[in-house]
Amino acid sequence: MTTPAPLRGLTVIDLTRHLPGPLAARLLADLGARVIKVEEPRAGDPVRAAPPLLGGQSPLGTLLLAGVESVALDLKQPAALEVVAGLLARADVLLESFRPGTLERLGLAPAALRQRFPRLIICSLTGWGQEGPFAGKAGHDLTYQAIAGALAPTAAVPAVPVADVVGAWSAVAAVLAALYGRERDGGGTWVDQALLDAAVHANVAGWAAEAGNPKEVGEPLPLTGALPCYGLYRTKDGALLAVAALEPHFWRRLCDAADRRDLRGAQYASGRRARKKVARLIGSRTRAAWLALLADRDVPVEPVLAAGEALAHPQVAVREVLRRGADGLPRLGFPARLDGGRPRAGERVPELGEDTLQVIAEHGLAGGRSARELRAAGIGRRPGGVRGWLARMLMRRG
């Protein structure tokens, strides 16, 4: 089956770092866009050094960078900024994740870029957005979720960086909408994507639950532990079971299968007493025993799996979102199928700056300079590069 590539022919210039921006760029690459990633020449995107390192490579780096091209540019150098402008002249989308005001200081103000390149889609992906008292403040996924109220029900560090991931998905949706609008109206768009906004949006169940009854930090909501029928419970052998029998017919099947019809009325009961009864019930059998008991009863109860177990799960395997590359490191596919095909970016993970000379030559931006002269002008990977930098960092840590 041919790999779907609905964005083929489009070019994305990616100036982002860390998780959200590279994930957004990767999703666009999965959909067929050409992504040219601009990296700092000495160390590159920090995702290249994200632990753990396996064979000198970061699995997070392989997940986010497979299928893109890497161009090393020192944006503090005028010649490198001229190369960026040359790339933008033939690009459709610019992704950037600098703090507000940084593009202006680099001479790449969005308003000026839109005037110079009227059809360019600019997506600014920041933590707090382009305006407001926190616009220039430092932050990470945890702090965005904290301010968005998303951490309050469990008062715990989340297992998934929701603001980062949903922010990336939202940025992609906005870029696709802007591209569609350009086809209709002919002009580009400046997308202001805040990770805070994504965290607020992702907390949709929380806003609904608190609408008529404000909650305190640590007070569970219906889908975060308040309902006995919906939560995580320990089995007899210490494993965790996810019980999601939210509808009455599912709860009845669970109670009937366990021969505990007396618990039918505990499904939505408030207070800890009902939850303790359900906890004792789940704790009376091993994980294997529960799975065997419920195998043919169509009840939404599943084991909580470790990542390695999840990779081996038959349903995860057949969906092929996650797979192993030739280097043994993980690769992600687009999280949806199009006409039965899974969009995927390429297998190749570029070395830092590996594509610099080819890309600038293709765009006519070398200006007759040699590789050494280009590096002196802040264009291209510097001697030592990311591998040398990683080696020095690992030696210091050791």
Protein backbone atom coordinates (compact mmCIF):
# COMPACT_ATOMS: atom_id res chain seq x y z
CA MET A 1 0.00 0.00 0.00
CA THR A 2 1.32 3.47 -0.90
CA THR A 3 2.13 5.64 2.11
CA PRO A 4 -0.32 8.58 2.18
CA ALA A 5 1.40 11.96 1.71
CA PRO A 6 -1.32 14.63 1.36
CA LEU A 7 1.15 17.47 2.11
CA ARG A 8 3.72 16.47 -0.51
CA GLY A 9 5.12 19.51 -2.26
CA LEU A 10 4.92 21.69 0.85
CA THR A 11 8.05 22.87 2.66
CA VAL A 12 8.30 23.57 6.39
CA ILE A 13 11.19 25.47 8.00
CA ASP A 14 11.47 24.36 11.62
CA LEU A 15 13.27 26.63 14.10
CA THR A 16 11.84 24.88 17.18
CA ARG A 17 13.54 22.93 19.99
CA HIS A 18 12.59 20.49 22.74
CA LEU A 19 9.36 18.44 22.47
CA PRO A 20 6.30 20.39 21.24
CA GLY A 21 7.73 22.09 18.14
CA PRO A 22 9.69 19.11 16.83
CA LEU A 23 6.61 16.92 17.38
CA ALA A 24 4.48 19.34 15.35
CA ALA A 25 7.13 19.35 12.62
CA ARG A 26 7.30 15.56 12.70
CA LEU A 27 3.53 15.26 12.26
CA LEU A 28 3.69 17.53 9.20
CA ALA A 29 6.56 15.42 7.86
CA ASP A 30 4.48 12.28 8.40
CA LEU A 31 1.80 13.88 6.23
CA GLY A 32 4.29 14.34 3.41
CA ALA A 33 5.70 17.83 3.93
CA ARG A 34 9.41 18.44 3.50
CA VAL A 35 10.71 19.59 6.88
CA ILE A 36 14.03 21.46 6.99
CA LYS A 37 15.09 21.67 10.61
CA VAL A 38 17.40 24.55 11.53
CA GLU A 39 19.68 23.68 14.47
CA GLU A 40 22.37 25.42 16.48
CA PRO A 41 25.69 24.23 14.98
CA ARG A 42 27.46 22.93 18.08
CA ALA A 43 24.88 20.94 20.06
CA GLY A 44 21.70 21.08 17.99
CA ASP A 45 18.22 20.49 19.35
CA PRO A 46 18.39 19.30 22.99
CA VAL A 47 16.23 16.29 22.06
CA ARG A 48 19.39 14.80 20.56
CA ALA A 49 20.85 14.57 24.06
CA ALA A 50 17.67 13.55 25.93
CA PRO A 51 18.39 10.51 28.15
CA PRO A 52 18.70 7.63 27.95
CA LEU A 53 21.37 7.49 25.24
CA LEU A 54 21.59 4.18 23.40
CA GLY A 55 24.61 3.77 21.17
CA GLY A 56 25.17 7.51 21.35
CA GLN A 57 21.63 8.28 20.21
CA SER A 58 18.58 9.50 22.09
CA PRO A 59 15.37 7.51 21.48
CA LEU A 60 13.43 10.76 21.86
CA GLY A 61 15.60 12.24 19.15
CA THR A 62 14.90 9.34 16.79
CA LEU A 63 11.16 9.60 17.46
CA LEU A 64 11.08 13.32 16.67
CA LEU A 65 13.75 13.74 14.00
CA ALA A 66 13.27 10.75 11.69
CA GLY A 67 12.26 11.93 8.25
CA VAL A 68 13.42 15.56 8.53
CA GLU A 69 16.50 17.33 7.13
CA SER A 70 19.01 19.05 9.42
CA VAL A 71 20.64 22.37 8.56
CA ALA A 72 23.09 23.86 11.07
CA LEU A 73 22.88 27.67 11.33
CA ASP A 74 24.13 30.05 14.00
CA LEU A 75 21.30 32.58 14.09
CA LYS A 76 23.55 35.06 15.87
CA GLN A 77 25.45 35.48 12.59
CA PRO A 78 24.08 37.75 9.80
CA ALA A 79 25.06 35.32 7.05
CA ALA A 80 23.10 32.52 8.73
CA LEU A 81 20.04 34.76 9.02
CA GLU A 82 20.35 35.51 5.31
CA VAL A 83 20.21 31.75 4.68
CA VAL A 84 17.03 31.50 6.79
CA ALA A 85 15.45 34.27 4.73
CA GLY A 86 16.46 32.43 1.56
CA LEU A 87 14.85 29.25 2.81
CA LEU A 88 11.67 31.10 3.74
CA ALA A 89 11.41 32.54 0.25
CA ARG A 90 10.55 29.05 -1.04
CA ALA A 91 8.80 27.73 2.08
CA ASP A 92 5.13 27.34 2.95
CA VAL A 93 5.35 27.16 6.75
CA LEU A 94 7.66 28.53 9.42
CA LEU A 95 7.55 26.84 12.84
CA GLU A 96 9.28 28.67 15.70
CA SER A 97 9.30 28.34 19.49
CA PHE A 98 11.29 31.36 20.66
CA ARG A 99 10.01 33.52 23.48
CA PRO A 100 7.93 36.48 22.25
CA GLY A 101 10.13 39.23 20.84
CA THR A 102 13.04 36.98 19.85
CA LEU A 103 12.12 36.86 16.15
CA GLU A 104 12.04 40.65 16.12
CA ARG A 105 15.52 40.81 17.65
CA LEU A 106 16.75 38.44 14.96
CA GLY A 107 15.31 40.65 12.24
CA LEU A 108 12.58 38.10 11.48
CA ALA A 109 9.55 39.86 12.95
CA PRO A 110 6.33 38.05 11.90
CA ALA A 111 4.80 41.25 10.53
CA ALA A 112 7.88 41.90 8.37
CA LEU A 113 8.01 38.26 7.24
CA ARG A 114 4.36 38.35 6.21
CA GLN A 115 4.96 41.51 4.21
CA ARG A 116 8.02 39.99 2.53
CA PHE A 117 6.50 36.53 2.04
CA PRO A 118 2.71 37.07 1.80
CA ARG A 119 1.83 33.37 1.43
CA LEU A 120 3.95 32.18 4.38
CA ILE A 121 2.21 30.47 7.31
CA ILE A 122 4.01 31.39 10.56
CA CYS A 123 3.32 29.24 13.62
CA SER A 124 4.71 30.62 16.88
CA LEU A 125 4.54 27.86 19.48
CA THR A 126 5.28 29.30 22.93
CA GLY A 127 4.58 28.41 26.52
CA TRP A 128 2.31 31.25 27.55
CA GLY A 129 1.36 32.94 24.26
CA GLN A 130 2.30 36.22 22.62
CA GLU A 131 0.78 38.56 25.18
CA GLY A 132 -0.16 38.72 28.86
CA PRO A 133 1.81 39.05 32.12
CA PHE A 134 3.42 35.61 31.71
CA ALA A 135 4.32 35.95 28.00
CA GLY A 136 8.06 36.26 28.63
CA LYS A 137 8.22 33.92 31.62
CA ALA A 138 10.03 30.56 31.66
CA GLY A 139 7.93 27.42 31.82
CA HIS A 140 7.61 23.73 31.05
CA ASP A 141 4.74 21.30 30.54
CA LEU A 142 4.32 20.79 34.30
CA THR A 143 3.89 24.51 34.98
CA TYR A 144 1.47 25.01 32.07
CA GLN A 145 -0.68 22.15 33.34
CA ALA A 146 -0.45 23.51 36.88
CA ILE A 147 -1.79 26.93 35.90
CA ALA A 148 -4.43 25.34 33.64
CA GLY A 149 -5.93 23.43 36.59
CA ALA A 150 -5.19 20.09 34.94
CA LEU A 151 -3.11 18.76 37.87
CA ALA A 152 -5.58 19.64 40.62
CA PRO A 153 -7.76 16.47 40.70
CA THR A 154 -4.84 14.09 41.26
CA ALA A 155 -2.25 16.52 42.67
CA ALA A 156 0.43 14.38 41.03
CA VAL A 157 3.04 14.65 38.30
CA PRO A 158 1.27 13.54 35.09
CA ALA A 159 2.50 10.53 33.15
CA VAL A 160 2.05 12.32 29.82
CA PRO A 161 3.21 15.89 28.95
CA VAL A 162 -0.31 16.86 27.91
CA ALA A 163 0.37 20.55 27.26
CA ASP A 164 3.33 19.71 25.02
CA VAL A 165 1.59 16.95 23.07
CA VAL A 166 -1.82 18.59 22.71
CA GLY A 167 -0.05 21.85 21.93
CA ALA A 168 1.77 20.16 19.05
CA TRP A 169 -1.44 18.62 17.72
CA SER A 170 -3.25 21.96 18.03
CA ALA A 171 -0.44 23.74 16.20
CA VAL A 172 -0.65 21.24 13.36
CA ALA A 173 -4.43 21.64 13.15
CA ALA A 174 -4.04 25.42 13.02
CA VAL A 175 -1.35 25.20 10.33
CA LEU A 176 -3.51 22.89 8.22
CA ALA A 177 -6.45 25.28 8.60
CA ALA A 178 -4.21 28.19 7.59
CA LEU A 179 -2.97 26.29 4.53
CA TYR A 180 -6.56 25.58 3.52
CA GLY A 181 -7.43 29.25 4.01
CA ARG A 182 -4.45 30.26 1.86
CA GLU A 183 -5.78 28.13 -0.99
CA ARG A 184 -9.05 30.05 -0.76
CA ASP A 185 -7.82 33.59 -0.02
CA GLY A 186 -4.19 33.54 -1.16
CA GLY A 187 -2.63 34.97 2.01
CA GLY A 188 -0.65 33.56 4.90
CA THR A 189 -1.50 33.52 8.61
CA TRP A 190 0.34 34.05 11.89
CA VAL A 191 -0.65 31.26 14.31
CA ASP A 192 -0.21 32.05 18.02
CA GLN A 193 -0.16 28.63 19.74
CA ALA A 194 0.34 28.70 23.52
CA LEU A 195 0.98 25.48 25.41
CA LEU A 196 -1.04 26.98 28.27
CA ASP A 197 -4.02 27.26 25.92
CA ALA A 198 -3.59 23.62 24.96
CA ALA A 199 -3.51 22.57 28.62
CA VAL A 200 -6.67 24.59 29.36
CA HIS A 201 -8.38 23.02 26.35
CA ALA A 202 -7.29 19.50 27.33
CA ASN A 203 -8.87 19.97 30.77
CA VAL A 204 -12.34 19.93 29.22
CA ALA A 205 -13.69 17.30 31.66
CA GLY A 206 -12.38 19.32 34.58
CA TRP A 207 -14.13 22.50 33.49
CA ALA A 208 -17.39 20.60 33.07
CA ALA A 209 -17.08 18.94 36.51
CA GLU A 210 -16.32 22.23 38.28
CA ALA A 211 -18.89 24.34 36.47
CA GLY A 212 -21.41 24.31 39.29
CA ASN A 213 -19.25 23.17 42.19
CA PRO A 214 -15.68 24.52 42.55
CA LYS A 215 -13.16 21.89 43.70
CA GLU A 216 -10.09 22.01 45.90
CA VAL A 217 -6.62 20.84 44.84
CA GLY A 218 -6.46 17.11 45.50
CA GLU A 219 -10.23 16.62 45.31
CA PRO A 220 -10.90 13.91 42.69
CA LEU A 221 -13.33 14.44 39.84
CA PRO A 222 -15.64 11.75 38.42
CA LEU A 223 -13.01 10.57 35.93
CA THR A 224 -10.00 10.99 38.21
CA GLY A 225 -10.92 8.71 41.08
CA ALA A 226 -14.20 9.95 42.56
CA LEU A 227 -16.33 7.19 41.01
CA PRO A 228 -15.90 3.60 42.27
CA CYS A 229 -16.63 2.27 38.77
CA TYR A 230 -13.82 4.24 37.14
CA GLY A 231 -10.30 3.97 38.48
CA LEU A 232 -7.15 1.95 39.06
CA TYR A 233 -7.16 -0.95 41.53
CA ARG A 234 -4.53 -3.40 42.78
CA THR A 235 -5.07 -7.07 42.08
CA LYS A 236 -4.14 -9.92 44.44
CA ASP A 237 -0.69 -10.23 42.86
CA GLY A 238 0.04 -6.50 43.07
CA ALA A 239 -0.69 -5.61 39.44
CA LEU A 240 -2.85 -2.64 38.49
CA LEU A 241 -6.20 -3.05 36.77
CA ALA A 242 -7.94 -0.18 34.95
CA VAL A 243 -11.66 -0.46 35.67
CA ALA A 244 -13.70 1.75 33.33
CA ALA A 245 -17.21 0.34 33.77
CA LEU A 246 -18.79 3.77 33.50
CA GLU A 247 -22.09 2.73 31.90
CA PRO A 248 -24.63 0.80 34.04
CA HIS A 249 -24.69 -2.27 31.79
CA PHE A 250 -20.90 -2.63 31.98
CA TRP A 251 -20.97 -2.34 35.78
CA ARG A 252 -23.72 -4.93 36.05
CA ARG A 253 -21.70 -7.38 33.93
CA LEU A 254 -18.66 -6.86 36.15
CA CYS A 255 -20.63 -7.41 39.35
CA ASP A 256 -22.43 -10.43 37.92
CA ALA A 257 -19.20 -12.00 36.67
CA ALA A 258 -17.69 -11.67 40.15
CA ASP A 259 -20.92 -12.93 41.77
CA ARG A 260 -21.19 -9.64 43.66
CA ARG A 261 -24.64 -8.35 42.73
CA ASP A 262 -24.65 -6.56 46.08
CA LEU A 263 -22.20 -4.03 44.59
CA ARG A 264 -24.47 -2.97 41.74
CA GLY A 265 -25.57 0.08 43.72
CA ALA A 266 -21.98 1.17 44.44
CA GLN A 267 -21.24 2.24 40.87
CA TYR A 268 -21.65 6.00 41.38
CA ALA A 269 -21.61 6.06 45.18
CA SER A 270 -19.76 8.96 46.81
CA GLY A 271 -17.27 8.63 49.61
CA ARG A 272 -14.43 6.22 50.31
CA ARG A 273 -16.51 3.34 51.63
CA ALA A 274 -17.78 2.22 48.20
CA ARG A 275 -14.32 2.55 46.66
CA LYS A 276 -12.85 0.39 49.44
CA LYS A 277 -15.42 -2.30 48.72
CA VAL A 278 -14.51 -2.29 45.04
CA ALA A 279 -10.80 -2.29 45.94
CA ARG A 280 -11.29 -5.38 48.10
CA LEU A 281 -13.17 -7.07 45.26
CA ILE A 282 -10.42 -6.41 42.70
CA GLY A 283 -7.81 -7.40 45.26
CA SER A 284 -9.42 -10.81 45.70
CA ARG A 285 -8.12 -12.16 42.36
CA THR A 286 -4.89 -11.98 40.39
CA ARG A 287 -4.60 -9.98 37.20
CA ALA A 288 -4.64 -13.15 35.11
CA ALA A 289 -7.71 -14.40 36.91
CA TRP A 290 -9.60 -11.17 36.26
CA LEU A 291 -8.67 -11.13 32.59
CA ALA A 292 -9.77 -14.73 32.21
CA LEU A 293 -13.04 -14.10 34.07
CA LEU A 294 -13.96 -11.08 31.93
CA ALA A 295 -12.54 -12.27 28.60
CA ASP A 296 -15.92 -12.98 26.98
CA ARG A 297 -18.09 -10.47 28.84
CA ASP A 298 -17.27 -7.24 26.96
CA VAL A 299 -16.42 -5.19 30.03
CA PRO A 300 -13.94 -2.26 29.75
CA VAL A 301 -11.41 -3.58 32.25
CA GLU A 302 -7.77 -3.84 31.15
CA PRO A 303 -4.35 -4.28 32.77
CA VAL A 304 -2.09 -1.28 33.28
CA LEU A 305 0.93 -2.17 31.13
CA ALA A 306 4.51 -1.01 31.25
CA ALA A 307 5.82 0.50 28.00
CA GLY A 308 7.55 -2.73 27.00
CA GLU A 309 4.37 -4.72 27.61
CA ALA A 310 2.36 -2.18 25.62
CA LEU A 311 4.69 -2.55 22.63
CA ALA A 312 4.05 -6.30 22.65
CA HIS A 313 0.26 -6.00 23.06
CA PRO A 314 -1.49 -7.53 20.02
CA GLN A 315 -3.75 -4.51 19.42
CA VAL A 316 -0.85 -2.05 19.66
CA ALA A 317 1.16 -4.28 17.32
CA VAL A 318 -1.55 -4.50 14.66
CA ARG A 319 -2.10 -0.73 14.65
CA GLU A 320 1.60 -0.10 13.91
CA VAL A 321 1.77 3.42 15.34
CA LEU A 322 4.97 2.48 17.15
CA ARG A 323 7.63 0.24 15.66
CA ARG A 324 11.36 -0.42 15.78
CA GLY A 325 13.70 1.12 13.23
CA ALA A 326 16.65 -0.63 11.64
CA ASP A 327 18.82 0.80 14.41
CA GLY A 328 16.63 -0.84 17.07
CA LEU A 329 15.31 2.51 18.29
CA PRO A 330 11.61 3.41 18.25
CA ARG A 331 9.81 5.14 15.37
CA LEU A 332 6.37 6.75 15.44
CA GLY A 333 3.80 6.82 12.69
CA PHE A 334 1.04 9.40 12.29
CA PRO A 335 -1.72 8.68 14.85
CA ALA A 336 -4.41 8.08 12.20
CA ARG A 337 -4.80 6.07 9.01
CA LEU A 338 -5.79 7.61 5.69
CA ASP A 339 -7.62 5.21 3.37
CA GLY A 340 -6.10 2.36 5.34
CA GLY A 341 -2.52 3.66 5.10
CA ARG A 342 -0.44 5.00 7.97
CA PRO A 343 1.36 8.25 7.04
CA ARG A 344 5.02 8.05 8.05
CA ALA A 345 8.03 10.29 7.67
CA GLY A 346 11.22 8.60 6.51
CA GLU A 347 13.37 6.21 8.50
CA ARG A 348 16.51 8.35 8.38
CA VAL A 349 17.54 10.38 11.44
CA PRO A 350 19.89 13.11 10.20
CA GLU A 351 23.14 13.92 11.94
CA LEU A 352 23.32 17.48 13.17
CA GLY A 353 23.79 19.71 10.12
CA GLU A 354 24.08 16.74 7.76
CA ASP A 355 21.99 18.37 5.05
CA THR A 356 23.35 21.92 5.31
CA LEU A 357 25.47 22.04 2.16
CA GLN A 358 22.94 20.23 0.01
CA VAL A 359 20.03 22.43 1.10
CA ILE A 360 21.83 25.76 0.70
CA ALA A 361 23.19 24.68 -2.69
CA GLU A 362 19.69 23.66 -3.81
CA HIS A 363 18.39 27.09 -2.77
CA GLY A 364 21.35 28.93 -4.34
CA LEU A 365 22.52 30.31 -1.01
CA ALA A 366 26.18 29.20 -0.91
CA GLY A 367 27.38 32.34 -2.70
CA GLY A 368 30.48 30.56 -4.00
CA ARG A 369 31.87 30.07 -0.49
CA SER A 370 33.73 26.92 0.54
CA ALA A 371 32.54 24.68 3.38
CA ARG A 372 35.17 26.24 5.65
CA GLU A 373 34.07 29.76 4.74
CA LEU A 374 30.45 28.82 5.32
CA ARG A 375 31.25 27.43 8.78
CA ALA A 376 33.13 30.63 9.62
CA ALA A 377 29.96 32.53 8.72
CA GLY A 378 27.86 30.38 11.09
CA ILE A 379 26.60 28.03 8.38
CA GLY A 380 27.18 24.32 8.87
CA ARG A 381 28.11 21.98 11.66
CA ARG A 382 31.14 23.02 13.68
CA PRO A 383 34.05 20.62 14.26
CA GLY A 384 33.25 18.23 17.09
CA GLY A 385 29.54 18.71 16.62
CA VAL A 386 26.93 17.02 18.72
CA ARG A 387 28.79 13.75 19.23
CA GLY A 388 31.83 15.51 20.67
CA TRP A 389 29.60 17.64 22.86
CA LEU A 390 27.69 14.59 24.12
CA ALA A 391 30.92 12.78 24.88
CA ARG A 392 32.20 15.71 26.94
CA MET A 393 28.90 15.98 28.82
CA LEU A 394 28.85 12.24 29.60
CA MET A 395 32.43 12.37 30.85
CA ARG A 396 31.54 15.26 33.16
CA ARG A 397 28.53 13.37 34.52
CA GLY A 398 30.64 10.27 35.05
